[in-house]
């Protein structure tokens, strides 16, 4: 009786293990930092998700989140397999997972990414120093291009946000920052160059009410990162799929346009050491 029970328990354990493995290898759970409106993130991901499903044979499921920390925790707790992260969010994920989260690809544009400080179109400001005493809007607290790197460059220019601005607000997203400044809710703000260009190209009414005061020096930013322990075969399939994307291929042109990418290139954790150093310098991580 005991021997039979033991065999049954072992069989049940093996079955549970098999089911878990099947779930891991047939469903790809994807998310992204919420740096734009949820509807825009969904619109951008849909064609890419269909492509990844075709290339990997996995059921690709996109899970939106409400804040940056949720993506980091999702990777750390194995609830998310693949995530679109900013450079600072990747650094946070790397620290949170003890180096287990691995960046696999980035857009070529992310090697030399920039942020743009904006002011109302009729603002007399000419330099960052002219913003002292103003109400200022960053994006999200964990945003690389909407907070960390702009803060770093402000400090280098002798502007301390907490001491020199009248008030500091966090809009939560790049497009929201433009709305803040356009409406007068903030007298200046900062967002990433890619979203700014997209808003201008789309004749966004808020973008028409503001102007660029200054563009930052370049830095590394966004990447696609996989969770700790994701099967190497799946990681390779994903990496190869991204590297194959070509805007000159008709069925891939829309994907690359929505991702605002000329091509994807391999990346690694060492590319983000400068971002981590800036975060420590700015006191955003200890």
Protein backbone atom coordinates (compact mmCIF):
# COMPACT_ATOMS: atom_id res chain seq x y z
CA UNK A 1 0.00 0.00 0.00
CA UNK A 2 2.76 2.44 1.01
CA UNK A 3 4.79 1.55 -2.07
CA UNK A 4 1.78 2.14 -4.33
CA UNK A 5 1.04 5.49 -2.64
CA UNK A 6 4.65 6.57 -3.06
CA UNK A 7 4.54 5.70 -6.76
CA UNK A 8 1.32 7.67 -7.14
CA UNK A 9 2.81 10.72 -5.44
CA UNK A 10 5.91 10.57 -7.62
CA UNK A 11 3.77 10.29 -10.74
CA UNK A 12 1.66 13.26 -9.64
CA UNK A 13 4.79 15.31 -9.02
CA UNK A 14 6.17 14.44 -12.45
CA UNK A 15 2.84 15.35 -14.06
CA UNK A 16 2.76 18.71 -12.26
CA UNK A 17 6.34 19.37 -13.35
CA UNK A 18 5.48 18.52 -16.95
CA UNK A 19 2.45 20.80 -16.94
CA UNK A 20 4.54 23.64 -15.51
CA UNK A 21 7.22 23.13 -18.13
CA UNK A 22 4.63 23.08 -20.89
CA UNK A 23 3.14 26.32 -19.58
CA UNK A 24 6.58 27.92 -19.53
CA UNK A 25 7.41 26.89 -23.07
CA UNK A 26 4.09 27.54 -24.80
CA UNK A 27 3.07 30.93 -23.38
CA UNK A 28 5.24 34.05 -23.60
CA UNK A 29 4.09 36.70 -21.12
CA UNK A 30 5.17 40.16 -22.27
CA UNK A 31 4.92 43.57 -20.65
CA UNK A 32 6.36 47.07 -20.96
CA UNK A 33 7.02 50.07 -18.77
CA UNK A 34 3.97 52.38 -18.96
CA UNK A 35 5.82 55.35 -20.45
CA UNK A 36 2.92 56.18 -22.78
CA UNK A 37 -0.85 55.89 -22.63
CA UNK A 38 -2.07 52.24 -22.26
CA UNK A 39 -3.94 52.36 -25.56
CA UNK A 40 -0.79 53.49 -27.35
CA UNK A 41 1.29 50.72 -25.80
CA UNK A 42 -1.27 48.13 -26.92
CA UNK A 43 -1.36 49.60 -30.44
CA UNK A 44 2.43 49.52 -30.70
CA UNK A 45 2.74 45.95 -29.46
CA UNK A 46 -0.01 44.18 -31.44
CA UNK A 47 1.89 43.68 -34.74
CA UNK A 48 5.10 42.86 -32.86
CA UNK A 49 3.29 40.30 -30.72
CA UNK A 50 1.84 38.62 -33.82
CA UNK A 51 5.33 38.50 -35.34
CA UNK A 52 6.92 37.01 -32.22
CA UNK A 53 4.19 34.37 -32.09
CA UNK A 54 4.93 33.40 -35.67
CA UNK A 55 8.70 33.34 -35.16
CA UNK A 56 8.78 31.49 -31.82
CA UNK A 57 5.67 29.30 -31.99
CA UNK A 58 4.64 30.61 -28.57
CA UNK A 59 1.30 32.04 -27.51
CA UNK A 60 2.25 35.69 -26.91
CA UNK A 61 0.20 37.47 -24.25
CA UNK A 62 0.69 41.17 -23.50
CA UNK A 63 0.03 42.26 -19.91
CA UNK A 64 -0.14 46.02 -19.29
CA UNK A 65 0.94 47.35 -15.89
CA UNK A 66 0.16 50.54 -14.03
CA UNK A 67 3.67 51.49 -12.92
CA UNK A 68 7.33 50.79 -13.59
CA UNK A 69 7.88 48.84 -10.37
CA UNK A 70 5.28 46.27 -11.44
CA UNK A 71 7.37 45.32 -14.48
CA UNK A 72 10.47 44.84 -12.32
CA UNK A 73 8.53 42.69 -9.84
CA UNK A 74 6.93 40.75 -12.67
CA UNK A 75 10.35 39.77 -14.03
CA UNK A 76 11.66 38.97 -10.54
CA UNK A 77 8.68 36.76 -9.67
CA UNK A 78 8.61 34.95 -13.04
CA UNK A 79 5.20 36.41 -13.90
CA UNK A 80 6.63 38.20 -16.95
CA UNK A 81 8.98 36.51 -19.43
CA UNK A 82 9.92 39.44 -21.66
CA UNK A 83 9.73 43.16 -20.94
CA UNK A 84 10.38 46.46 -22.70
CA UNK A 85 12.43 48.44 -20.21
CA UNK A 86 14.10 51.81 -20.01
CA UNK A 87 17.77 51.85 -19.06
CA UNK A 88 17.07 52.80 -15.44
CA UNK A 89 14.31 50.22 -15.10
CA UNK A 90 16.71 47.60 -16.41
CA UNK A 91 19.27 48.62 -13.77
CA UNK A 92 16.55 48.26 -11.12
CA UNK A 93 15.58 44.84 -12.52
CA UNK A 94 19.22 43.74 -12.59
CA UNK A 95 19.65 44.72 -8.94
CA UNK A 96 16.31 43.22 -7.91
CA UNK A 97 17.13 39.87 -9.57
CA UNK A 98 20.80 39.79 -8.54
CA UNK A 99 21.85 40.00 -12.16
CA UNK A 100 19.36 37.40 -13.34
CA UNK A 101 17.42 39.67 -15.71
CA UNK A 102 19.21 39.75 -19.06
CA UNK A 103 18.89 42.45 -21.75
CA UNK A 104 18.93 40.80 -25.19
CA UNK A 105 18.33 43.51 -27.81
CA UNK A 106 17.88 47.25 -28.18
CA UNK A 107 17.07 49.52 -31.06
CA UNK A 108 20.07 51.07 -32.80
CA UNK A 109 18.58 54.39 -31.70
CA UNK A 110 18.96 53.40 -28.03
CA UNK A 111 22.76 53.56 -28.24
CA UNK A 112 22.54 57.34 -28.45
CA UNK A 113 19.21 58.26 -26.88
CA UNK A 114 18.36 61.79 -25.75
CA UNK A 115 15.78 63.73 -23.77
CA UNK A 116 14.29 67.11 -24.61
CA UNK A 117 13.54 69.87 -22.13
CA UNK A 118 10.42 71.76 -23.21
CA UNK A 119 8.79 75.08 -22.30
CA UNK A 120 5.68 76.93 -23.51
CA UNK A 121 6.18 78.26 -27.00
CA UNK A 122 6.24 81.88 -25.76
CA UNK A 123 8.58 81.23 -22.81
CA UNK A 124 11.59 83.58 -22.64
CA UNK A 125 13.80 80.82 -21.17
CA UNK A 126 17.03 80.17 -23.06
CA UNK A 127 19.00 77.93 -20.67
CA UNK A 128 18.33 75.39 -17.94
CA UNK A 129 19.31 78.01 -15.39
CA UNK A 130 16.39 80.13 -16.60
CA UNK A 131 14.03 77.45 -15.29
CA UNK A 132 14.87 78.15 -11.67
CA UNK A 133 11.78 79.22 -9.76
CA UNK A 134 9.47 77.47 -12.24
CA UNK A 135 7.03 74.58 -11.83
CA UNK A 136 8.68 71.59 -13.51
CA UNK A 137 7.34 68.23 -14.73
CA UNK A 138 9.30 65.01 -15.03
CA UNK A 139 7.72 61.83 -16.45
CA UNK A 140 7.63 58.79 -14.16
CA UNK A 141 10.04 58.53 -11.19
CA UNK A 142 11.70 55.41 -12.64
CA UNK A 143 11.91 56.75 -16.19
CA UNK A 144 15.42 56.93 -17.65
CA UNK A 145 14.66 59.59 -20.24
CA UNK A 146 11.86 61.32 -18.35
CA UNK A 147 13.57 61.63 -14.96
CA UNK A 148 16.94 60.00 -14.21
CA UNK A 149 19.11 61.33 -17.04
CA UNK A 150 17.42 64.76 -17.18
CA UNK A 151 17.94 65.07 -13.40
CA UNK A 152 21.59 64.09 -13.88
CA UNK A 153 22.07 66.76 -16.55
CA UNK A 154 20.21 69.38 -14.51
CA UNK A 155 22.52 68.75 -11.56
CA UNK A 156 25.55 69.01 -13.86
CA UNK A 157 24.21 72.38 -15.03
CA UNK A 158 23.94 73.58 -11.43
CA UNK A 159 20.17 73.19 -11.15
CA UNK A 160 18.92 71.18 -8.15
CA UNK A 161 15.28 70.23 -8.81
CA UNK A 162 14.23 70.18 -5.15
CA UNK A 163 16.02 73.39 -4.24
CA UNK A 164 15.70 75.44 -7.42
CA UNK A 165 12.28 74.64 -8.88
CA UNK A 166 9.16 76.16 -7.35
CA UNK A 167 7.52 72.74 -7.49
CA UNK A 168 8.30 69.34 -9.05
CA UNK A 169 5.57 67.12 -10.49
CA UNK A 170 5.63 63.67 -12.08
CA UNK A 171 3.24 63.39 -15.01
CA UNK A 172 3.62 59.61 -15.26
CA UNK A 173 4.30 59.43 -19.00
CA UNK A 174 6.11 61.33 -21.75
CA UNK A 175 3.01 62.38 -23.66
CA UNK A 176 1.43 63.50 -20.38
CA UNK A 177 4.43 65.77 -19.69
CA UNK A 178 3.78 67.61 -22.94
CA UNK A 179 0.14 68.03 -21.91
CA UNK A 180 1.25 69.39 -18.51
CA UNK A 181 3.40 72.09 -20.12
CA UNK A 182 0.92 72.87 -22.90
CA UNK A 183 -1.89 73.43 -20.39
CA UNK A 184 0.18 75.58 -18.02
CA UNK A 185 0.08 72.96 -15.28
CA UNK A 186 3.90 73.07 -15.48
CA UNK A 187 6.13 75.85 -16.79
CA UNK A 188 8.72 73.41 -18.11
CA UNK A 189 9.22 69.68 -18.43
CA UNK A 190 11.26 66.94 -20.02
CA UNK A 191 10.49 63.88 -22.15
CA UNK A 192 12.30 61.47 -24.42
CA UNK A 193 13.21 62.49 -27.94
CA UNK A 194 11.44 59.56 -29.60
CA UNK A 195 8.02 60.41 -28.14
CA UNK A 196 8.58 64.09 -28.86
CA UNK A 197 9.34 63.36 -32.52
CA UNK A 198 6.27 61.12 -32.78
CA UNK A 199 4.01 63.82 -31.34
CA UNK A 200 5.40 66.45 -33.70
CA UNK A 201 5.06 64.14 -36.72
CA UNK A 202 1.48 63.40 -35.72
CA UNK A 203 0.65 67.11 -35.38
CA UNK A 204 -0.28 66.64 -31.73
CA UNK A 205 -2.06 69.81 -30.54
CA UNK A 206 -0.19 69.86 -27.23
CA UNK A 207 3.18 69.64 -28.99
CA UNK A 208 2.22 72.67 -31.05
CA UNK A 209 1.96 74.74 -27.86
CA UNK A 210 5.48 74.04 -26.59
CA UNK A 211 9.05 74.26 -27.89
CA UNK A 212 12.32 72.47 -27.21
CA UNK A 213 14.61 74.41 -24.91
CA UNK A 214 17.52 71.95 -24.88
CA UNK A 215 18.40 68.42 -26.00
CA UNK A 216 20.57 66.38 -23.62
CA UNK A 217 23.83 64.61 -24.49
CA UNK A 218 23.27 60.98 -25.59
CA UNK A 219 23.05 57.93 -23.33
CA UNK A 220 21.93 54.27 -23.54
CA UNK A 221 18.25 53.69 -22.93
CA UNK A 222 15.55 51.17 -23.85
CA UNK A 223 15.97 47.42 -24.30
CA UNK A 224 14.07 44.14 -24.35
CA UNK A 225 14.94 42.06 -21.26
CA UNK A 226 14.14 38.44 -20.39
CA UNK A 227 13.44 37.15 -16.90
CA UNK A 228 15.88 35.08 -14.86
CA UNK A 229 15.81 31.42 -15.84
CA UNK A 230 14.00 31.76 -19.16
CA UNK A 231 14.93 28.75 -21.27
CA UNK A 232 18.03 29.48 -23.43
CA UNK A 233 16.29 28.12 -26.52
CA UNK A 234 13.43 30.61 -26.10
CA UNK A 235 15.85 33.45 -25.41
CA UNK A 236 17.69 32.63 -28.64
CA UNK A 237 14.46 32.45 -30.65
CA UNK A 238 13.44 35.87 -29.32
CA UNK A 239 16.85 37.41 -29.96
CA UNK A 240 16.98 36.03 -33.51
CA UNK A 241 13.44 37.22 -34.20
CA UNK A 242 14.25 40.80 -33.19
CA UNK A 243 17.54 40.85 -35.10
CA UNK A 244 15.76 39.65 -38.28
CA UNK A 245 13.32 42.57 -38.30
CA UNK A 246 13.88 44.78 -41.33
CA UNK A 247 11.87 47.91 -42.26
CA UNK A 248 12.58 47.15 -45.93
CA UNK A 249 10.53 43.96 -45.68
CA UNK A 250 6.94 44.91 -46.43
CA UNK A 251 5.27 42.90 -43.66
CA UNK A 252 7.78 44.17 -41.08
CA UNK A 253 7.66 47.86 -41.99
CA UNK A 254 4.67 48.58 -39.72
CA UNK A 255 6.32 46.83 -36.76
CA UNK A 256 9.50 48.85 -37.10
CA UNK A 257 7.58 52.07 -37.61
CA UNK A 258 5.54 51.56 -34.45
CA UNK A 259 8.70 50.66 -32.51
CA UNK A 260 10.44 53.69 -34.04
CA UNK A 261 13.40 51.50 -34.88
CA UNK A 262 15.72 51.38 -37.89
CA UNK A 263 16.95 47.99 -36.68
CA UNK A 264 17.46 45.95 -33.51
CA UNK A 265 20.97 45.13 -32.32
CA UNK A 266 22.34 42.89 -29.55
CA UNK A 267 22.91 44.48 -26.16
CA UNK A 268 24.28 43.52 -22.75
CA UNK A 269 24.20 44.68 -19.16
CA UNK A 270 27.52 46.53 -19.36
CA UNK A 271 25.97 49.09 -21.73
CA UNK A 272 23.91 50.39 -18.80
CA UNK A 273 26.74 50.94 -16.35
CA UNK A 274 26.67 54.66 -17.15
CA UNK A 275 22.96 54.81 -16.38
CA UNK A 276 23.55 53.02 -13.08
CA UNK A 277 26.36 55.44 -12.21
CA UNK A 278 24.08 58.40 -12.99
CA UNK A 279 21.35 56.91 -10.78
CA UNK A 280 23.76 56.52 -7.89
CA UNK A 281 25.13 60.02 -8.45
CA UNK A 282 21.62 61.44 -8.38
CA UNK A 283 20.80 59.48 -5.23
CA UNK A 284 18.06 57.44 -6.91
CA UNK A 285 19.67 54.13 -5.94
CA UNK A 286 22.05 53.47 -3.07
